[in-house]
Amino acid sequence: MTITVDTRYLSEQSDPSANRYAFAYTIHILNSGDIPAQLLDRHWKIIDGNGKVQEVKGPGVIGEQPLIAPAVTYTYTSGCLLETPVGTMEGSYGMRAADDHSFQAPIELFRLAKPNALN
């Protein structure tokens, strides 16, 4: 699996005076293997600018457990709230290939940042 991420700050859902910073992230999961694989679960580690860690685990993504064919990209958008204008996310997807072997697809660390929060 090849996983890429696009992020954006959601100013309309944020309230900096209340330490509420909303972000959306769009995940693109390309099955770069030779056989179909199903995304079964997710594990996220979210760290805000103060070092506060949130761990999120659960089945599928956005209520789905997609079966991704070879050379096909599955894309979805979700979001998270932070108490600081900057943070990071990283994690993994639990996958099961069509030949019944299970594996973890790592999601590299990516940054969530309000525009102009980093000079």
C-alpha atoms as a PDB file:
ATOM      1  CA  MET A   1       0.000   0.000   0.000  1.00  0.00           C
ATOM      2  CA  THR A   2       1.127   3.509  -0.796  1.00  0.00           C
ATOM      3  CA  ILE A   3      -0.540   6.096   1.447  1.00  0.00           C
ATOM      4  CA  THR A   4      -0.498   9.853   0.889  1.00  0.00           C
ATOM      5  CA  VAL A   5      -2.247  12.594   2.859  1.00  0.00           C
ATOM      6  CA  ASP A   6      -3.569  16.097   2.139  1.00  0.00           C
ATOM      7  CA  THR A   7      -4.546  18.330   5.086  1.00  0.00           C
ATOM      8  CA  ARG A   8      -6.391  21.584   5.543  1.00  0.00           C
ATOM      9  CA  TYR A   9      -7.313  23.868   8.417  1.00  0.00           C
ATOM     10  CA  LEU A  10     -11.063  24.392   8.934  1.00  0.00           C
ATOM     11  CA  SER A  11     -11.334  27.999  10.124  1.00  0.00           C
ATOM     12  CA  GLU A  12     -15.163  27.897  10.070  1.00  0.00           C
ATOM     13  CA  GLN A  13     -15.176  25.012  12.591  1.00  0.00           C
ATOM     14  CA  SER A  14     -12.356  26.375  14.741  1.00  0.00           C
ATOM     15  CA  ASP A  15     -12.465  28.692  17.746  1.00  0.00           C
ATOM     16  CA  PRO A  16      -8.928  29.702  18.735  1.00  0.00           C
ATOM     17  CA  SER A  17     -10.220  31.646  21.775  1.00  0.00           C
ATOM     18  CA  ALA A  18     -11.499  28.295  23.118  1.00  0.00           C
ATOM     19  CA  ASN A  19      -8.367  26.345  22.066  1.00  0.00           C
ATOM     20  CA  ARG A  20     -10.344  24.531  19.368  1.00  0.00           C
ATOM     21  CA  TYR A  21      -8.558  23.968  16.057  1.00  0.00           C
ATOM     22  CA  ALA A  22     -10.327  21.837  13.451  1.00  0.00           C
ATOM     23  CA  PHE A  23      -8.530  20.043  10.642  1.00  0.00           C
ATOM     24  CA  ALA A  24      -9.584  17.852   7.733  1.00  0.00           C
ATOM     25  CA  TYR A  25      -7.344  15.241   6.196  1.00  0.00           C
ATOM     26  CA  THR A  26      -7.820  13.378   2.940  1.00  0.00           C
ATOM     27  CA  ILE A  27      -6.186   9.965   2.720  1.00  0.00           C
ATOM     28  CA  HIS A  28      -5.290   8.298  -0.593  1.00  0.00           C
ATOM     29  CA  ILE A  29      -4.570   4.550  -0.299  1.00  0.00           C
ATOM     30  CA  LEU A  30      -3.091   3.039  -3.449  1.00  0.00           C
ATOM     31  CA  ASN A  31      -2.959  -0.744  -3.606  1.00  0.00           C
ATOM     32  CA  SER A  32       0.528  -1.083  -5.044  1.00  0.00           C
ATOM     33  CA  GLY A  33       0.438  -4.873  -4.617  1.00  0.00           C
ATOM     34  CA  ASP A  34      -0.655  -7.648  -6.970  1.00  0.00           C
ATOM     35  CA  ILE A  35      -3.816  -8.812  -5.173  1.00  0.00           C
ATOM     36  CA  PRO A  36      -6.853  -7.122  -3.602  1.00  0.00           C
ATOM     37  CA  ALA A  37      -6.621  -6.140   0.056  1.00  0.00           C
ATOM     38  CA  GLN A  38      -9.298  -5.100   2.522  1.00  0.00           C
ATOM     39  CA  LEU A  39      -8.848  -2.326   5.086  1.00  0.00           C
ATOM     40  CA  LEU A  40     -10.128  -3.808   8.363  1.00  0.00           C
ATOM     41  CA  ASP A  41      -9.164  -1.298  11.063  1.00  0.00           C
ATOM     42  CA  ARG A  42      -7.247   1.864  11.844  1.00  0.00           C
ATOM     43  CA  HIS A  43      -4.921   3.082  14.582  1.00  0.00           C
ATOM     44  CA  TRP A  44      -4.057   6.779  14.866  1.00  0.00           C
ATOM     45  CA  LYS A  45      -1.680   8.596  17.187  1.00  0.00           C
ATOM     46  CA  ILE A  46      -2.530  12.321  17.291  1.00  0.00           C
ATOM     47  CA  ILE A  47      -0.197  14.704  19.127  1.00  0.00           C
ATOM     48  CA  ASP A  48      -0.954  18.384  19.660  1.00  0.00           C
ATOM     49  CA  GLY A  49       1.579  21.185  20.082  1.00  0.00           C
ATOM     50  CA  ASN A  50       1.594  20.687  23.866  1.00  0.00           C
ATOM     51  CA  GLY A  51       2.546  17.020  23.501  1.00  0.00           C
ATOM     52  CA  LYS A  52      -0.930  15.757  24.438  1.00  0.00           C
ATOM     53  CA  VAL A  53      -1.458  12.343  22.810  1.00  0.00           C
ATOM     54  CA  GLN A  54      -4.780  10.949  21.595  1.00  0.00           C
ATOM     55  CA  GLU A  55      -4.967   7.374  20.338  1.00  0.00           C
ATOM     56  CA  VAL A  56      -7.821   6.350  18.076  1.00  0.00           C
ATOM     57  CA  LYS A  57      -8.495   2.707  17.226  1.00  0.00           C
ATOM     58  CA  GLY A  58     -11.474   1.179  15.517  1.00  0.00           C
ATOM     59  CA  PRO A  59     -12.913  -0.804  12.640  1.00  0.00           C
ATOM     60  CA  GLY A  60     -12.589   0.530   9.104  1.00  0.00           C
ATOM     61  CA  VAL A  61     -12.608   4.181   8.093  1.00  0.00           C
ATOM     62  CA  ILE A  62     -15.663   6.452   7.876  1.00  0.00           C
ATOM     63  CA  GLY A  63     -17.878   3.435   8.486  1.00  0.00           C
ATOM     64  CA  GLU A  64     -16.376   1.403   5.649  1.00  0.00           C
ATOM     65  CA  GLN A  65     -14.005  -1.547   5.303  1.00  0.00           C
ATOM     66  CA  PRO A  66     -13.123  -1.133   1.629  1.00  0.00           C
ATOM     67  CA  LEU A  67     -11.695  -3.870  -0.559  1.00  0.00           C
ATOM     68  CA  ILE A  68      -9.020  -2.191  -2.690  1.00  0.00           C
ATOM     69  CA  ALA A  69      -8.096  -3.818  -5.991  1.00  0.00           C
ATOM     70  CA  PRO A  70      -4.512  -3.721  -7.351  1.00  0.00           C
ATOM     71  CA  ALA A  71      -3.585  -0.371  -8.947  1.00  0.00           C
ATOM     72  CA  VAL A  72      -6.750   1.230  -7.476  1.00  0.00           C
ATOM     73  CA  THR A  73      -6.729   4.187  -5.071  1.00  0.00           C
ATOM     74  CA  TYR A  74      -9.300   4.454  -2.287  1.00  0.00           C
ATOM     75  CA  THR A  75      -9.774   8.022  -1.020  1.00  0.00           C
ATOM     76  CA  TYR A  76     -11.649   9.344   1.984  1.00  0.00           C
ATOM     77  CA  THR A  77     -11.764  12.509   4.089  1.00  0.00           C
ATOM     78  CA  SER A  78     -12.076  12.748   7.851  1.00  0.00           C
ATOM     79  CA  GLY A  79     -11.104  15.237  10.526  1.00  0.00           C
ATOM     80  CA  CYS A  80      -9.831  15.887  14.011  1.00  0.00           C
ATOM     81  CA  LEU A  81      -9.783  18.583  16.673  1.00  0.00           C
ATOM     82  CA  LEU A  82      -6.671  19.842  18.424  1.00  0.00           C
ATOM     83  CA  GLU A  83      -6.230  22.196  21.381  1.00  0.00           C
ATOM     84  CA  THR A  84      -3.268  23.865  19.637  1.00  0.00           C
ATOM     85  CA  PRO A  85      -2.822  25.352  16.137  1.00  0.00           C
ATOM     86  CA  VAL A  86      -0.159  22.766  15.264  1.00  0.00           C
ATOM     87  CA  GLY A  87       0.040  18.999  15.709  1.00  0.00           C
ATOM     88  CA  THR A  88       0.888  15.718  14.033  1.00  0.00           C
ATOM     89  CA  MET A  89      -0.783  12.435  13.146  1.00  0.00           C
ATOM     90  CA  GLU A  90       0.606   9.025  12.281  1.00  0.00           C
ATOM     91  CA  GLY A  91      -0.667   5.495  12.410  1.00  0.00           C
ATOM     92  CA  SER A  92      -1.486   2.359  10.491  1.00  0.00           C
ATOM     93  CA  TYR A  93      -4.233   0.404   8.800  1.00  0.00           C
ATOM     94  CA  GLY A  94      -4.813  -3.250   9.554  1.00  0.00           C
ATOM     95  CA  MET A  95      -5.209  -4.978   6.192  1.00  0.00           C
ATOM     96  CA  ARG A  96      -6.078  -8.468   4.967  1.00  0.00           C
ATOM     97  CA  ALA A  97      -5.027  -9.518   1.479  1.00  0.00           C
ATOM     98  CA  ALA A  98      -7.130 -11.774  -0.765  1.00  0.00           C
ATOM     99  CA  ASP A  99      -4.695 -14.637  -0.078  1.00  0.00           C
ATOM    100  CA  ASP A 100      -5.760 -14.308   3.608  1.00  0.00           C
ATOM    101  CA  HIS A 101      -2.493 -12.920   5.003  1.00  0.00           C
ATOM    102  CA  SER A 102      -2.795  -9.928   7.328  1.00  0.00           C
ATOM    103  CA  PHE A 103      -0.435  -6.966   7.424  1.00  0.00           C
ATOM    104  CA  GLN A 104      -0.103  -3.417   8.728  1.00  0.00           C
ATOM    105  CA  ALA A 105       0.036  -0.516   6.258  1.00  0.00           C
ATOM    106  CA  PRO A 106       1.937   2.316   7.981  1.00  0.00           C
ATOM    107  CA  ILE A 107       0.809   5.935   7.701  1.00  0.00           C
ATOM    108  CA  GLU A 108       3.836   8.205   7.914  1.00  0.00           C
ATOM    109  CA  LEU A 109       3.764  11.154  10.303  1.00  0.00           C
ATOM    110  CA  PHE A 110       2.114  14.247   8.836  1.00  0.00           C
ATOM    111  CA  ARG A 111       1.622  17.756  10.174  1.00  0.00           C
ATOM    112  CA  LEU A 112      -1.607  19.580  10.935  1.00  0.00           C
ATOM    113  CA  ALA A 113      -1.054  23.340  11.057  1.00  0.00           C
ATOM    114  CA  LYS A 114      -3.179  26.473  11.003  1.00  0.00           C
ATOM    115  CA  PRO A 115      -1.890  28.723   8.184  1.00  0.00           C
ATOM    116  CA  ASN A 116       0.812  31.097   9.418  1.00  0.00           C
ATOM    117  CA  ALA A 117       1.078  29.213  12.747  1.00  0.00           C
ATOM    118  CA  LEU A 118       4.645  28.275  11.819  1.00  0.00           C
ATOM    119  CA  ASN A 119       6.922  31.096  10.833  1.00  0.00           C
END
